[in-house]
Amino acid sequence: MPEIESTINETTGDLTVQVKGVAGPTCEDVAKLARELLGTPASEKNTPEYFVRPRIQRQIRPGQGT
């Protein structure tokens, strides 16, 4: 399940936002929404989860196509 975790450093006031449970470029859409709602974080970096690409398998069913 997708999750957005946000933390504000009490000393510096820096905002940290981490998007969890969303793999690939779709994560960027969620991060954009988080920025609009919470504000701009102090820095941004992509986690290894961001670089996961969904596997798409082509299926051909009998009786369809030529």
N, C-alpha and C. Protein backbone atom coordinates (compact mmCIF):
# COMPACT_ATOMS: atom_id res chain seq x y z
N MET A 1 0.84 -1.17 0.00
CA MET A 1 0.00 0.00 0.00
C MET A 1 0.89 1.25 0.00
N PRO A 2 0.60 2.22 -0.85
CA PRO A 2 1.40 3.45 -0.92
C PRO A 2 1.33 4.22 0.40
N GLU A 3 2.44 4.86 0.72
CA GLU A 3 2.53 5.61 1.96
C GLU A 3 3.46 6.80 1.76
N ILE A 4 3.09 7.94 2.34
CA ILE A 4 3.95 9.12 2.32
C ILE A 4 4.33 9.43 3.76
N GLU A 5 5.63 9.42 4.02
CA GLU A 5 6.13 9.69 5.36
C GLU A 5 6.82 11.05 5.35
N SER A 6 6.39 11.94 6.24
CA SER A 6 7.01 13.27 6.29
C SER A 6 7.53 13.54 7.69
N THR A 7 8.67 14.23 7.75
CA THR A 7 9.30 14.57 9.02
C THR A 7 9.82 16.00 8.93
N ILE A 8 9.62 16.74 9.99
CA ILE A 8 10.17 18.10 10.06
C ILE A 8 11.22 18.11 11.17
N ASN A 9 12.44 18.50 10.82
CA ASN A 9 13.52 18.60 11.79
C ASN A 9 13.23 19.77 12.72
N GLU A 10 13.15 19.51 14.02
CA GLU A 10 12.79 20.55 14.99
C GLU A 10 13.84 21.66 15.07
N THR A 11 15.09 21.32 14.83
CA THR A 11 16.17 22.30 14.94
C THR A 11 16.27 23.19 13.71
N THR A 12 16.28 22.55 12.52
CA THR A 12 16.49 23.30 11.28
C THR A 12 15.21 23.67 10.55
N GLY A 13 14.12 22.96 10.85
CA GLY A 13 12.87 23.20 10.14
C GLY A 13 12.82 22.53 8.78
N ASP A 14 13.86 21.73 8.45
CA ASP A 14 13.90 21.05 7.15
C ASP A 14 12.83 19.97 7.08
N LEU A 15 12.18 19.89 5.94
CA LEU A 15 11.15 18.89 5.67
C LEU A 15 11.76 17.71 4.93
N THR A 16 11.47 16.50 5.40
CA THR A 16 11.88 15.28 4.72
C THR A 16 10.62 14.51 4.36
N VAL A 17 10.50 14.13 3.09
CA VAL A 17 9.35 13.37 2.62
C VAL A 17 9.85 12.12 1.93
N GLN A 18 9.27 10.97 2.29
CA GLN A 18 9.65 9.72 1.65
C GLN A 18 8.38 9.03 1.17
N VAL A 19 8.37 8.68 -0.13
CA VAL A 19 7.25 7.96 -0.73
C VAL A 19 7.60 6.48 -0.69
N LYS A 20 6.71 5.67 -0.13
CA LYS A 20 6.95 4.23 -0.02
C LYS A 20 5.81 3.48 -0.71
N GLY A 21 6.16 2.33 -1.27
CA GLY A 21 5.14 1.46 -1.85
C GLY A 21 4.72 1.82 -3.26
N VAL A 22 5.46 2.73 -3.91
CA VAL A 22 5.16 3.10 -5.30
C VAL A 22 6.45 2.95 -6.08
N ALA A 23 6.47 2.01 -7.02
CA ALA A 23 7.68 1.75 -7.79
C ALA A 23 7.63 2.47 -9.13
N GLY A 24 8.80 2.80 -9.64
CA GLY A 24 8.92 3.38 -10.97
C GLY A 24 8.53 4.84 -11.04
N PRO A 25 8.37 5.34 -12.26
CA PRO A 25 8.09 6.76 -12.47
C PRO A 25 6.77 7.24 -11.86
N THR A 26 5.84 6.34 -11.56
CA THR A 26 4.60 6.74 -10.92
C THR A 26 4.88 7.42 -9.58
N CYS A 27 5.99 7.05 -8.97
CA CYS A 27 6.40 7.65 -7.71
C CYS A 27 6.53 9.17 -7.86
N GLU A 28 7.00 9.63 -9.00
CA GLU A 28 7.17 11.07 -9.22
C GLU A 28 5.83 11.81 -9.14
N ASP A 29 4.76 11.18 -9.62
CA ASP A 29 3.43 11.79 -9.53
C ASP A 29 3.00 11.94 -8.07
N VAL A 30 3.27 10.92 -7.27
CA VAL A 30 2.93 10.96 -5.85
C VAL A 30 3.79 12.01 -5.14
N ALA A 31 5.07 12.06 -5.48
CA ALA A 31 5.97 13.04 -4.87
C ALA A 31 5.54 14.46 -5.21
N LYS A 32 5.08 14.67 -6.43
CA LYS A 32 4.61 16.01 -6.83
C LYS A 32 3.41 16.42 -5.99
N LEU A 33 2.49 15.50 -5.78
CA LEU A 33 1.32 15.78 -4.95
C LEU A 33 1.75 16.09 -3.52
N ALA A 34 2.71 15.33 -3.00
CA ALA A 34 3.21 15.57 -1.65
C ALA A 34 3.84 16.96 -1.54
N ARG A 35 4.60 17.37 -2.57
CA ARG A 35 5.21 18.72 -2.56
C ARG A 35 4.13 19.80 -2.55
N GLU A 36 3.05 19.58 -3.31
CA GLU A 36 1.97 20.57 -3.35
C GLU A 36 1.26 20.68 -2.00
N LEU A 37 1.12 19.56 -1.31
CA LEU A 37 0.41 19.56 -0.03
C LEU A 37 1.29 19.96 1.15
N LEU A 38 2.55 19.51 1.15
CA LEU A 38 3.41 19.69 2.32
C LEU A 38 4.47 20.77 2.16
N GLY A 39 4.78 21.14 0.93
CA GLY A 39 5.85 22.09 0.69
C GLY A 39 7.06 21.38 0.11
N THR A 40 8.05 22.16 -0.28
CA THR A 40 9.24 21.62 -0.91
C THR A 40 10.22 21.10 0.13
N PRO A 41 10.66 19.83 -0.01
CA PRO A 41 11.63 19.30 0.95
C PRO A 41 13.01 19.94 0.78
N ALA A 42 13.86 19.77 1.78
CA ALA A 42 15.20 20.35 1.76
C ALA A 42 16.03 19.80 0.60
N SER A 43 15.85 18.52 0.27
CA SER A 43 16.56 17.91 -0.86
C SER A 43 15.73 16.74 -1.37
N GLU A 44 16.06 16.29 -2.57
CA GLU A 44 15.35 15.16 -3.17
C GLU A 44 16.35 14.15 -3.70
N LYS A 45 16.02 12.87 -3.55
CA LYS A 45 16.81 11.81 -4.15
C LYS A 45 15.90 10.62 -4.40
N ASN A 46 16.23 9.86 -5.44
CA ASN A 46 15.44 8.69 -5.78
C ASN A 46 15.97 7.47 -5.02
N THR A 47 15.06 6.68 -4.48
CA THR A 47 15.44 5.45 -3.79
C THR A 47 15.55 4.33 -4.82
N PRO A 48 16.13 3.20 -4.45
CA PRO A 48 16.20 2.07 -5.39
C PRO A 48 14.82 1.63 -5.90
N GLU A 49 13.80 1.82 -5.08
CA GLU A 49 12.44 1.47 -5.49
C GLU A 49 11.99 2.26 -6.72
N TYR A 50 12.48 3.49 -6.85
CA TYR A 50 12.12 4.33 -8.00
C TYR A 50 12.57 3.69 -9.32
N PHE A 51 13.69 3.02 -9.29
CA PHE A 51 14.26 2.48 -10.52
C PHE A 51 13.68 1.12 -10.92
N VAL A 52 12.76 0.59 -10.12
CA VAL A 52 12.09 -0.67 -10.46
C VAL A 52 11.09 -0.39 -11.57
N ARG A 53 11.18 -1.16 -12.62
CA ARG A 53 10.25 -0.99 -13.74
C ARG A 53 9.30 -2.19 -13.78
N PRO A 54 8.02 -1.94 -14.01
CA PRO A 54 7.07 -3.05 -14.07
C PRO A 54 7.37 -3.96 -15.25
N ARG A 55 7.17 -5.24 -15.05
CA ARG A 55 7.38 -6.20 -16.13
C ARG A 55 6.07 -6.34 -16.90
N ILE A 56 6.16 -6.14 -18.18
CA ILE A 56 4.99 -6.26 -19.05
C ILE A 56 5.21 -7.46 -19.95
N GLN A 57 4.27 -8.38 -19.89
CA GLN A 57 4.37 -9.57 -20.72
C GLN A 57 3.27 -9.54 -21.76
N ARG A 58 3.66 -9.80 -22.97
CA ARG A 58 2.72 -9.81 -24.07
C ARG A 58 2.03 -11.17 -24.09
N GLN A 59 0.72 -11.15 -24.18
CA GLN A 59 -0.05 -12.38 -24.23
C GLN A 59 -0.85 -12.43 -25.53
N ILE A 60 -0.77 -13.56 -26.19
CA ILE A 60 -1.56 -13.77 -27.39
C ILE A 60 -2.54 -14.89 -27.09
N ARG A 61 -3.80 -14.60 -27.25
CA ARG A 61 -4.84 -15.58 -26.95
C ARG A 61 -5.33 -16.22 -28.24
N PRO A 62 -5.55 -17.51 -28.23
CA PRO A 62 -6.06 -18.20 -29.43
C PRO A 62 -7.40 -17.60 -29.86
N GLY A 63 -7.55 -17.46 -31.15
CA GLY A 63 -8.81 -16.94 -31.70
C GLY A 63 -8.85 -15.44 -31.84
N GLN A 64 -7.79 -14.75 -31.41
CA GLN A 64 -7.75 -13.29 -31.56
C GLN A 64 -6.64 -12.93 -32.53
N GLY A 65 -6.90 -11.97 -33.38
CA GLY A 65 -5.89 -11.56 -34.36
C GLY A 65 -5.94 -12.44 -35.60
N THR A 66 -4.94 -12.30 -36.46
CA THR A 66 -4.92 -13.08 -37.68
C THR A 66 -3.91 -14.18 -37.64
